[in-house]
């Protein structure tokens, strides 16, 4: 999870969503109270679940480590095959728009000739 979260594309997408969430909470007082209540509920559930699940996690730790290592290798391979993953959202969108524009231009030229 940490490795996925550290990808520029993922972390910048999280930053964009977080900024939108904060902006929405600030500009809509009614939504702010609903969001605050939801945040408190999630925090309470997370704390309660963490204390119950901790013994199970200790038992599963060797298996989780093996899966984590396998997933990390898979992410490395995926990052090699998909160049936009290490880029921030804005750069990935810009690159995608440029690629689409060039492909559309090629199709237009092929159709006109």
C-alpha atoms as a PDB file:
ATOM      1  CA  UNK A   1       0.000   0.000   0.000  1.00  0.00           C
ATOM      2  CA  UNK A   2       2.836   2.381   0.853  1.00  0.00           C
ATOM      3  CA  UNK A   3       4.497   1.735  -2.504  1.00  0.00           C
ATOM      4  CA  UNK A   4       1.260   2.399  -4.423  1.00  0.00           C
ATOM      5  CA  UNK A   5       0.619   5.535  -2.358  1.00  0.00           C
ATOM      6  CA  UNK A   6       4.123   6.787  -3.126  1.00  0.00           C
ATOM      7  CA  UNK A   7       3.530   6.716  -6.895  1.00  0.00           C
ATOM      8  CA  UNK A   8       3.329  10.289  -8.158  1.00  0.00           C
ATOM      9  CA  UNK A   9       0.106   9.596 -10.033  1.00  0.00           C
ATOM     10  CA  UNK A  10      -1.592   8.192  -6.935  1.00  0.00           C
ATOM     11  CA  UNK A  11      -0.252  10.745  -4.453  1.00  0.00           C
ATOM     12  CA  UNK A  12      -1.102  13.701  -6.689  1.00  0.00           C
ATOM     13  CA  UNK A  13      -4.592  12.270  -7.306  1.00  0.00           C
ATOM     14  CA  UNK A  14      -5.027  11.968  -3.531  1.00  0.00           C
ATOM     15  CA  UNK A  15      -3.878  15.573  -3.139  1.00  0.00           C
ATOM     16  CA  UNK A  16      -6.426  16.733  -5.738  1.00  0.00           C
ATOM     17  CA  UNK A  17      -9.253  14.803  -4.042  1.00  0.00           C
ATOM     18  CA  UNK A  18      -8.178  16.027  -0.606  1.00  0.00           C
ATOM     19  CA  UNK A  19      -8.114  19.649  -1.776  1.00  0.00           C
ATOM     20  CA  UNK A  20     -11.560  19.275  -3.357  1.00  0.00           C
ATOM     21  CA  UNK A  21     -12.899  17.696  -0.168  1.00  0.00           C
ATOM     22  CA  UNK A  22     -11.462  20.456   2.020  1.00  0.00           C
ATOM     23  CA  UNK A  23     -12.782  23.138  -0.323  1.00  0.00           C
ATOM     24  CA  UNK A  24     -16.251  21.574  -0.330  1.00  0.00           C
ATOM     25  CA  UNK A  25     -16.280  21.385   3.469  1.00  0.00           C
ATOM     26  CA  UNK A  26     -15.259  25.050   3.725  1.00  0.00           C
ATOM     27  CA  UNK A  27     -17.783  26.350   1.216  1.00  0.00           C
ATOM     28  CA  UNK A  28     -20.822  24.339   2.372  1.00  0.00           C
ATOM     29  CA  UNK A  29     -21.504  24.494   6.132  1.00  0.00           C
ATOM     30  CA  UNK A  30     -24.202  21.812   5.977  1.00  0.00           C
ATOM     31  CA  UNK A  31     -21.853  19.389   4.305  1.00  0.00           C
ATOM     32  CA  UNK A  32     -19.126  20.261   6.814  1.00  0.00           C
ATOM     33  CA  UNK A  33     -21.157  18.904   9.727  1.00  0.00           C
ATOM     34  CA  UNK A  34     -22.058  15.730   7.792  1.00  0.00           C
ATOM     35  CA  UNK A  35     -18.418  15.218   6.792  1.00  0.00           C
ATOM     36  CA  UNK A  36     -17.187  15.832  10.335  1.00  0.00           C
ATOM     37  CA  UNK A  37     -19.656  13.259  11.687  1.00  0.00           C
ATOM     38  CA  UNK A  38     -18.615  10.747   9.019  1.00  0.00           C
ATOM     39  CA  UNK A  39     -14.930  11.332   9.786  1.00  0.00           C
ATOM     40  CA  UNK A  40     -15.519  10.739  13.508  1.00  0.00           C
ATOM     41  CA  UNK A  41     -17.473   7.568  12.747  1.00  0.00           C
ATOM     42  CA  UNK A  42     -14.745   6.213  10.484  1.00  0.00           C
ATOM     43  CA  UNK A  43     -12.097   7.037  13.074  1.00  0.00           C
ATOM     44  CA  UNK A  44     -14.028   5.231  15.826  1.00  0.00           C
ATOM     45  CA  UNK A  45     -14.622   2.155  13.672  1.00  0.00           C
ATOM     46  CA  UNK A  46     -10.966   2.115  12.600  1.00  0.00           C
ATOM     47  CA  UNK A  47      -9.724   2.275  16.193  1.00  0.00           C
ATOM     48  CA  UNK A  48     -12.094  -0.479  17.330  1.00  0.00           C
ATOM     49  CA  UNK A  49     -11.224  -2.697  14.373  1.00  0.00           C
ATOM     50  CA  UNK A  50      -7.480  -2.181  14.791  1.00  0.00           C
ATOM     51  CA  UNK A  51      -7.510  -3.442  18.369  1.00  0.00           C
ATOM     52  CA  UNK A  52      -9.534  -6.537  17.406  1.00  0.00           C
ATOM     53  CA  UNK A  53      -7.538  -7.370  14.293  1.00  0.00           C
ATOM     54  CA  UNK A  54      -4.061  -6.881  15.801  1.00  0.00           C
ATOM     55  CA  UNK A  55      -3.686 -10.503  17.061  1.00  0.00           C
ATOM     56  CA  UNK A  56      -4.758 -11.853  13.671  1.00  0.00           C
ATOM     57  CA  UNK A  57      -2.285  -9.602  11.866  1.00  0.00           C
ATOM     58  CA  UNK A  58       0.553 -10.865  14.057  1.00  0.00           C
ATOM     59  CA  UNK A  59      -0.319 -14.432  13.056  1.00  0.00           C
ATOM     60  CA  UNK A  60      -0.556 -13.575   9.359  1.00  0.00           C
ATOM     61  CA  UNK A  61       2.570 -11.377   9.270  1.00  0.00           C
ATOM     62  CA  UNK A  62       4.833 -13.858   7.407  1.00  0.00           C
ATOM     63  CA  UNK A  63       2.176 -14.406   4.752  1.00  0.00           C
ATOM     64  CA  UNK A  64       1.520 -10.685   4.419  1.00  0.00           C
ATOM     65  CA  UNK A  65       5.265 -10.076   3.975  1.00  0.00           C
ATOM     66  CA  UNK A  66       5.428 -12.631   1.147  1.00  0.00           C
ATOM     67  CA  UNK A  67       2.394 -11.144  -0.594  1.00  0.00           C
ATOM     68  CA  UNK A  68       3.826  -7.656  -0.133  1.00  0.00           C
ATOM     69  CA  UNK A  69       7.121  -8.656  -1.762  1.00  0.00           C
ATOM     70  CA  UNK A  70       5.286 -10.279  -4.676  1.00  0.00           C
ATOM     71  CA  UNK A  71       3.053  -7.217  -5.101  1.00  0.00           C
ATOM     72  CA  UNK A  72       6.080  -4.918  -5.011  1.00  0.00           C
ATOM     73  CA  UNK A  73       7.724  -6.830  -7.861  1.00  0.00           C
ATOM     74  CA  UNK A  74       4.463  -6.666  -9.810  1.00  0.00           C
ATOM     75  CA  UNK A  75       4.249  -2.907  -9.270  1.00  0.00           C
ATOM     76  CA  UNK A  76       7.806  -2.483 -10.503  1.00  0.00           C
ATOM     77  CA  UNK A  77       6.961  -4.366 -13.701  1.00  0.00           C
ATOM     78  CA  UNK A  78       3.729  -2.409 -14.107  1.00  0.00           C
ATOM     79  CA  UNK A  79       5.621   0.863 -13.658  1.00  0.00           C
ATOM     80  CA  UNK A  80       7.991  -0.145 -16.464  1.00  0.00           C
ATOM     81  CA  UNK A  81       5.118  -0.929 -18.830  1.00  0.00           C
ATOM     82  CA  UNK A  82       2.942   2.071 -17.922  1.00  0.00           C
ATOM     83  CA  UNK A  83       5.078   5.237 -17.958  1.00  0.00           C
ATOM     84  CA  UNK A  84       2.300   7.543 -16.653  1.00  0.00           C
ATOM     85  CA  UNK A  85       2.253   5.805 -13.231  1.00  0.00           C
ATOM     86  CA  UNK A  86       5.305   7.605 -11.803  1.00  0.00           C
ATOM     87  CA  UNK A  87       4.058  10.982 -13.078  1.00  0.00           C
ATOM     88  CA  UNK A  88       1.746  13.433 -11.294  1.00  0.00           C
ATOM     89  CA  UNK A  89      -1.880  13.582 -12.447  1.00  0.00           C
ATOM     90  CA  UNK A  90      -1.421  16.882 -14.275  1.00  0.00           C
ATOM     91  CA  UNK A  91       1.560  15.564 -16.273  1.00  0.00           C
ATOM     92  CA  UNK A  92      -0.170  12.266 -17.078  1.00  0.00           C
ATOM     93  CA  UNK A  93      -3.250  14.145 -18.341  1.00  0.00           C
ATOM     94  CA  UNK A  94      -1.119  16.493 -20.408  1.00  0.00           C
ATOM     95  CA  UNK A  95       0.805  13.584 -21.959  1.00  0.00           C
ATOM     96  CA  UNK A  96      -2.445  11.724 -22.679  1.00  0.00           C
ATOM     97  CA  UNK A  97      -3.967  14.798 -24.362  1.00  0.00           C
ATOM     98  CA  UNK A  98      -0.861  15.232 -26.499  1.00  0.00           C
ATOM     99  CA  UNK A  99      -0.909  11.575 -27.511  1.00  0.00           C
ATOM    100  CA  UNK A 100      -4.616  11.716 -28.406  1.00  0.00           C
ATOM    101  CA  UNK A 101      -4.161  14.944 -30.351  1.00  0.00           C
ATOM    102  CA  UNK A 102      -1.351  13.460 -32.409  1.00  0.00           C
ATOM    103  CA  UNK A 103      -3.369  10.298 -33.089  1.00  0.00           C
ATOM    104  CA  UNK A 104      -6.421  12.339 -34.149  1.00  0.00           C
ATOM    105  CA  UNK A 105      -4.215  14.443 -36.428  1.00  0.00           C
ATOM    106  CA  UNK A 106      -2.822  11.265 -38.002  1.00  0.00           C
ATOM    107  CA  UNK A 107      -6.329   9.912 -38.578  1.00  0.00           C
ATOM    108  CA  UNK A 108      -7.493  13.230 -40.085  1.00  0.00           C
ATOM    109  CA  UNK A 109      -4.526  13.253 -42.424  1.00  0.00           C
ATOM    110  CA  UNK A 110      -5.120   9.635 -43.453  1.00  0.00           C
ATOM    111  CA  UNK A 111      -8.826  10.311 -44.122  1.00  0.00           C
ATOM    112  CA  UNK A 112      -8.187  13.502 -46.093  1.00  0.00           C
ATOM    113  CA  UNK A 113      -5.581  11.853 -48.294  1.00  0.00           C
END
